[in-house]
Amino acid sequence: MLVGVNDEGKVLGTSKDNFRSDDDYLKHFKNLFKERVGLEFSDLVDYELVPMDDKKVFYVSCQRSPRPVYFGKEGEFYIRTNPATEKLTGRKILEYVNEHFDGIIR
């Protein structure tokens, strides 16, 4: 994922996010990740601010998790379907988890 690049590929940068430093930007992401996903999944995610066209872009790379990852409130489950994120509920969560995580929920 790239933050600071629009849908047409134009580099906008992250300066409009108004963080005092790169460290503040990275700490903010880490805190959001910890709060909404959980640090137990942090080994699956790499992120950094990278220079691009004389600006900085926030780059996030995620590995596939061997188990379901919940976002936000307990029980909320989202999947990424290019180019959108969709929230699954009820039976759709069970179906998705069983298809993608070796049927760990019965």
N, C-alpha and C. Protein backbone atom coordinates (compact mmCIF):
# COMPACT_ATOMS: atom_id res chain seq x y z
N MET A 1 0.85 -1.14 0.00
CA MET A 1 0.00 0.00 0.00
C MET A 1 0.90 1.22 0.00
N LEU A 2 0.50 2.21 -0.74
CA LEU A 2 1.23 3.48 -0.77
C LEU A 2 0.31 4.60 -0.30
N VAL A 3 0.76 5.34 0.68
CA VAL A 3 0.04 6.52 1.14
C VAL A 3 0.80 7.72 0.63
N GLY A 4 0.10 8.59 -0.07
CA GLY A 4 0.74 9.75 -0.66
C GLY A 4 0.87 9.63 -2.17
N VAL A 5 0.16 8.66 -2.75
CA VAL A 5 0.09 8.48 -4.20
C VAL A 5 -1.38 8.37 -4.56
N ASN A 6 -1.84 9.18 -5.51
CA ASN A 6 -3.27 9.13 -5.85
C ASN A 6 -3.57 7.97 -6.80
N ASP A 7 -4.84 7.78 -7.12
CA ASP A 7 -5.27 6.64 -7.94
C ASP A 7 -4.66 6.65 -9.34
N GLU A 8 -4.26 7.82 -9.81
CA GLU A 8 -3.65 7.92 -11.14
C GLU A 8 -2.13 7.72 -11.08
N GLY A 9 -1.58 7.50 -9.88
CA GLY A 9 -0.15 7.27 -9.74
C GLY A 9 0.66 8.53 -9.50
N LYS A 10 0.01 9.67 -9.36
CA LYS A 10 0.72 10.92 -9.10
C LYS A 10 1.18 10.96 -7.64
N VAL A 11 2.45 11.28 -7.43
CA VAL A 11 3.00 11.35 -6.08
C VAL A 11 2.61 12.67 -5.44
N LEU A 12 1.83 12.58 -4.36
CA LEU A 12 1.39 13.76 -3.62
C LEU A 12 2.23 13.96 -2.37
N GLY A 13 2.77 12.87 -1.84
CA GLY A 13 3.57 12.93 -0.63
C GLY A 13 2.72 12.91 0.62
N THR A 14 3.39 12.87 1.76
CA THR A 14 2.70 12.78 3.05
C THR A 14 2.80 14.06 3.86
N SER A 15 3.40 15.10 3.31
CA SER A 15 3.62 16.33 4.08
C SER A 15 2.32 16.97 4.57
N LYS A 16 1.23 16.80 3.85
CA LYS A 16 -0.05 17.38 4.28
C LYS A 16 -0.62 16.70 5.52
N ASP A 17 -0.03 15.58 5.92
CA ASP A 17 -0.47 14.89 7.14
C ASP A 17 0.01 15.62 8.40
N ASN A 18 0.91 16.58 8.22
CA ASN A 18 1.36 17.49 9.28
C ASN A 18 1.98 16.83 10.50
N PHE A 19 2.78 15.80 10.31
CA PHE A 19 3.55 15.23 11.41
C PHE A 19 4.85 16.02 11.55
N ARG A 20 5.31 16.22 12.77
CA ARG A 20 6.52 17.01 13.02
C ARG A 20 7.77 16.33 12.48
N SER A 21 7.77 15.00 12.45
CA SER A 21 8.95 14.27 11.99
C SER A 21 8.54 12.93 11.40
N ASP A 22 9.48 12.29 10.73
CA ASP A 22 9.23 10.94 10.21
C ASP A 22 8.96 9.97 11.35
N ASP A 23 9.70 10.14 12.45
CA ASP A 23 9.48 9.26 13.61
C ASP A 23 8.06 9.39 14.14
N ASP A 24 7.53 10.61 14.20
CA ASP A 24 6.15 10.80 14.66
C ASP A 24 5.17 10.09 13.73
N TYR A 25 5.42 10.17 12.43
CA TYR A 25 4.56 9.50 11.46
C TYR A 25 4.58 7.99 11.69
N LEU A 26 5.77 7.43 11.82
CA LEU A 26 5.91 5.98 12.01
C LEU A 26 5.33 5.52 13.35
N LYS A 27 5.53 6.31 14.39
CA LYS A 27 4.94 5.99 15.70
C LYS A 27 3.42 6.00 15.65
N HIS A 28 2.88 6.96 14.93
CA HIS A 28 1.41 7.05 14.79
C HIS A 28 0.87 5.77 14.13
N PHE A 29 1.52 5.34 13.05
CA PHE A 29 1.08 4.11 12.40
C PHE A 29 1.20 2.93 13.34
N LYS A 30 2.32 2.81 14.04
CA LYS A 30 2.51 1.69 14.97
C LYS A 30 1.42 1.68 16.04
N ASN A 31 1.09 2.85 16.59
CA ASN A 31 0.06 2.93 17.62
C ASN A 31 -1.31 2.55 17.06
N LEU A 32 -1.64 3.02 15.86
CA LEU A 32 -2.92 2.63 15.24
C LEU A 32 -2.96 1.13 14.98
N PHE A 33 -1.86 0.58 14.48
CA PHE A 33 -1.79 -0.85 14.22
C PHE A 33 -1.99 -1.64 15.50
N LYS A 34 -1.30 -1.23 16.55
CA LYS A 34 -1.41 -1.91 17.85
C LYS A 34 -2.85 -1.87 18.36
N GLU A 35 -3.48 -0.71 18.27
CA GLU A 35 -4.84 -0.52 18.78
C GLU A 35 -5.90 -1.25 17.97
N ARG A 36 -5.76 -1.24 16.65
CA ARG A 36 -6.84 -1.75 15.80
C ARG A 36 -6.61 -3.14 15.23
N VAL A 37 -5.36 -3.59 15.19
CA VAL A 37 -5.06 -4.92 14.65
C VAL A 37 -4.45 -5.80 15.73
N GLY A 38 -3.41 -5.31 16.38
CA GLY A 38 -2.74 -6.06 17.44
C GLY A 38 -1.28 -6.29 17.11
N LEU A 39 -0.43 -6.06 18.10
CA LEU A 39 1.01 -6.21 17.87
C LEU A 39 1.42 -7.64 17.58
N GLU A 40 0.58 -8.62 17.92
CA GLU A 40 0.94 -10.00 17.61
C GLU A 40 1.05 -10.26 16.11
N PHE A 41 0.54 -9.32 15.29
CA PHE A 41 0.64 -9.45 13.84
C PHE A 41 1.72 -8.54 13.25
N SER A 42 2.46 -7.83 14.09
CA SER A 42 3.42 -6.85 13.58
C SER A 42 4.55 -7.48 12.79
N ASP A 43 4.87 -8.74 13.04
CA ASP A 43 5.94 -9.38 12.27
C ASP A 43 5.52 -9.65 10.82
N LEU A 44 4.25 -9.48 10.51
CA LEU A 44 3.74 -9.70 9.16
C LEU A 44 3.69 -8.41 8.33
N VAL A 45 4.04 -7.29 8.95
CA VAL A 45 3.89 -5.99 8.29
C VAL A 45 5.21 -5.23 8.34
N ASP A 46 5.63 -4.74 7.18
CA ASP A 46 6.78 -3.85 7.07
C ASP A 46 6.27 -2.50 6.59
N TYR A 47 6.82 -1.43 7.13
CA TYR A 47 6.40 -0.10 6.70
C TYR A 47 7.55 0.88 6.85
N GLU A 48 7.54 1.87 5.97
CA GLU A 48 8.57 2.90 6.02
C GLU A 48 8.14 4.09 5.17
N LEU A 49 8.77 5.21 5.44
CA LEU A 49 8.62 6.38 4.60
C LEU A 49 9.75 6.34 3.58
N VAL A 50 9.40 6.43 2.31
CA VAL A 50 10.41 6.34 1.25
C VAL A 50 10.36 7.60 0.39
N PRO A 51 11.54 8.07 -0.05
CA PRO A 51 11.57 9.24 -0.93
C PRO A 51 11.10 8.85 -2.33
N MET A 52 10.29 9.73 -2.91
CA MET A 52 9.78 9.50 -4.26
C MET A 52 9.46 10.87 -4.88
N ASP A 53 10.09 11.19 -5.96
CA ASP A 53 9.87 12.48 -6.65
C ASP A 53 10.01 13.66 -5.69
N ASP A 54 11.08 13.70 -4.92
CA ASP A 54 11.36 14.78 -3.97
C ASP A 54 10.31 14.93 -2.89
N LYS A 55 9.52 13.89 -2.65
CA LYS A 55 8.52 13.87 -1.59
C LYS A 55 8.68 12.57 -0.83
N LYS A 56 7.92 12.41 0.23
CA LYS A 56 7.95 11.15 0.97
C LYS A 56 6.60 10.45 0.83
N VAL A 57 6.68 9.15 0.63
CA VAL A 57 5.51 8.29 0.49
C VAL A 57 5.59 7.23 1.57
N PHE A 58 4.46 6.91 2.18
CA PHE A 58 4.42 5.87 3.21
C PHE A 58 4.11 4.54 2.54
N TYR A 59 5.04 3.60 2.68
CA TYR A 59 4.95 2.29 2.04
C TYR A 59 4.66 1.23 3.10
N VAL A 60 3.61 0.42 2.87
CA VAL A 60 3.25 -0.66 3.78
C VAL A 60 3.17 -1.95 2.97
N SER A 61 3.83 -2.99 3.46
CA SER A 61 3.80 -4.30 2.83
C SER A 61 3.34 -5.32 3.86
N CYS A 62 2.35 -6.13 3.50
CA CYS A 62 1.78 -7.11 4.43
C CYS A 62 1.95 -8.52 3.88
N GLN A 63 2.35 -9.43 4.75
CA GLN A 63 2.38 -10.83 4.40
C GLN A 63 1.04 -11.46 4.78
N ARG A 64 0.72 -12.56 4.17
CA ARG A 64 -0.50 -13.28 4.49
C ARG A 64 -0.41 -13.85 5.90
N SER A 65 -1.48 -13.70 6.66
CA SER A 65 -1.52 -14.22 8.02
C SER A 65 -1.98 -15.67 8.02
N PRO A 66 -1.40 -16.49 8.89
CA PRO A 66 -1.84 -17.88 8.98
C PRO A 66 -3.15 -18.03 9.74
N ARG A 67 -3.64 -16.94 10.34
CA ARG A 67 -4.92 -16.98 11.07
C ARG A 67 -5.68 -15.68 10.85
N PRO A 68 -6.98 -15.66 11.13
CA PRO A 68 -7.76 -14.46 10.89
C PRO A 68 -7.24 -13.25 11.67
N VAL A 69 -7.33 -12.09 11.04
CA VAL A 69 -6.93 -10.84 11.66
C VAL A 69 -8.17 -9.95 11.72
N TYR A 70 -8.46 -9.45 12.89
CA TYR A 70 -9.61 -8.59 13.07
C TYR A 70 -9.15 -7.15 13.13
N PHE A 71 -9.96 -6.25 12.60
CA PHE A 71 -9.63 -4.83 12.59
C PHE A 71 -10.66 -4.06 13.40
N GLY A 72 -10.18 -3.20 14.26
CA GLY A 72 -11.10 -2.36 15.02
C GLY A 72 -11.72 -3.10 16.17
N LYS A 73 -13.01 -2.92 16.31
CA LYS A 73 -13.74 -3.54 17.41
C LYS A 73 -13.70 -5.05 17.29
N GLU A 74 -13.74 -5.72 18.42
CA GLU A 74 -13.76 -7.18 18.43
C GLU A 74 -14.90 -7.68 17.56
N GLY A 75 -14.59 -8.58 16.67
CA GLY A 75 -15.60 -9.20 15.84
C GLY A 75 -15.79 -8.56 14.49
N GLU A 76 -15.16 -7.42 14.21
CA GLU A 76 -15.26 -6.83 12.88
C GLU A 76 -14.20 -7.46 12.00
N PHE A 77 -14.59 -7.85 10.81
CA PHE A 77 -13.68 -8.56 9.91
C PHE A 77 -13.76 -7.93 8.53
N TYR A 78 -12.61 -7.47 8.04
CA TYR A 78 -12.55 -6.81 6.74
C TYR A 78 -11.64 -7.59 5.81
N ILE A 79 -11.98 -7.55 4.52
CA ILE A 79 -11.11 -8.15 3.51
C ILE A 79 -10.82 -7.09 2.45
N ARG A 80 -9.70 -7.25 1.81
CA ARG A 80 -9.32 -6.35 0.73
C ARG A 80 -9.67 -6.99 -0.59
N THR A 81 -10.54 -6.32 -1.35
CA THR A 81 -10.87 -6.76 -2.71
C THR A 81 -10.56 -5.58 -3.61
N ASN A 82 -9.56 -5.74 -4.42
CA ASN A 82 -9.10 -4.60 -5.23
C ASN A 82 -10.25 -3.95 -5.95
N PRO A 83 -10.43 -2.68 -5.83
CA PRO A 83 -9.64 -1.67 -5.13
C PRO A 83 -10.31 -1.22 -3.83
N ALA A 84 -11.03 -2.07 -3.16
CA ALA A 84 -11.80 -1.63 -1.99
C ALA A 84 -11.60 -2.56 -0.80
N THR A 85 -12.03 -2.09 0.35
CA THR A 85 -12.04 -2.90 1.56
C THR A 85 -13.50 -3.15 1.91
N GLU A 86 -13.83 -4.41 2.20
CA GLU A 86 -15.21 -4.75 2.51
C GLU A 86 -15.31 -5.41 3.87
N LYS A 87 -16.36 -5.07 4.59
CA LYS A 87 -16.62 -5.66 5.90
C LYS A 87 -17.48 -6.90 5.71
N LEU A 88 -17.04 -8.01 6.31
CA LEU A 88 -17.83 -9.24 6.26
C LEU A 88 -18.53 -9.42 7.60
N THR A 89 -19.69 -10.04 7.57
CA THR A 89 -20.45 -10.32 8.79
C THR A 89 -20.98 -11.75 8.74
N GLY A 90 -21.33 -12.25 9.91
CA GLY A 90 -22.01 -13.54 10.03
C GLY A 90 -21.40 -14.67 9.25
N ARG A 91 -22.23 -15.33 8.47
CA ARG A 91 -21.84 -16.50 7.71
C ARG A 91 -20.70 -16.20 6.74
N LYS A 92 -20.67 -14.99 6.19
CA LYS A 92 -19.62 -14.63 5.23
C LYS A 92 -18.23 -14.66 5.88
N ILE A 93 -18.15 -14.30 7.17
CA ILE A 93 -16.87 -14.39 7.88
C ILE A 93 -16.43 -15.85 7.96
N LEU A 94 -17.35 -16.72 8.38
CA LEU A 94 -17.02 -18.15 8.50
C LEU A 94 -16.59 -18.74 7.17
N GLU A 95 -17.32 -18.41 6.11
CA GLU A 95 -16.97 -18.94 4.79
C GLU A 95 -15.59 -18.46 4.36
N TYR A 96 -15.32 -17.19 4.55
CA TYR A 96 -14.03 -16.64 4.15
C TYR A 96 -12.89 -17.28 4.95
N VAL A 97 -13.05 -17.36 6.25
CA VAL A 97 -12.01 -17.93 7.10
C VAL A 97 -11.77 -19.40 6.73
N ASN A 98 -12.83 -20.15 6.53
CA ASN A 98 -12.67 -21.57 6.19
C ASN A 98 -11.99 -21.75 4.83
N GLU A 99 -12.25 -20.85 3.89
CA GLU A 99 -11.62 -20.94 2.57
C GLU A 99 -10.16 -20.50 2.58
N HIS A 100 -9.83 -19.53 3.43
CA HIS A 100 -8.50 -18.92 3.38
C HIS A 100 -7.56 -19.33 4.51
N PHE A 101 -8.07 -19.97 5.54
CA PHE A 101 -7.24 -20.31 6.70
C PHE A 101 -7.39 -21.79 7.07
N ASP A 102 -7.42 -22.64 6.07
CA ASP A 102 -7.44 -24.09 6.28
C ASP A 102 -8.57 -24.59 7.17
N GLY A 103 -9.73 -23.96 7.08
CA GLY A 103 -10.91 -24.44 7.79
C GLY A 103 -10.77 -24.48 9.28
N ILE A 104 -10.18 -23.46 9.90
CA ILE A 104 -9.95 -23.50 11.34
C ILE A 104 -11.20 -23.21 12.17
N ILE A 105 -12.26 -22.70 11.53
CA ILE A 105 -13.50 -22.44 12.26
C ILE A 105 -14.56 -23.40 11.75
N ARG A 106 -15.23 -24.06 12.62
CA ARG A 106 -16.28 -25.00 12.24
C ARG A 106 -17.62 -24.52 12.75
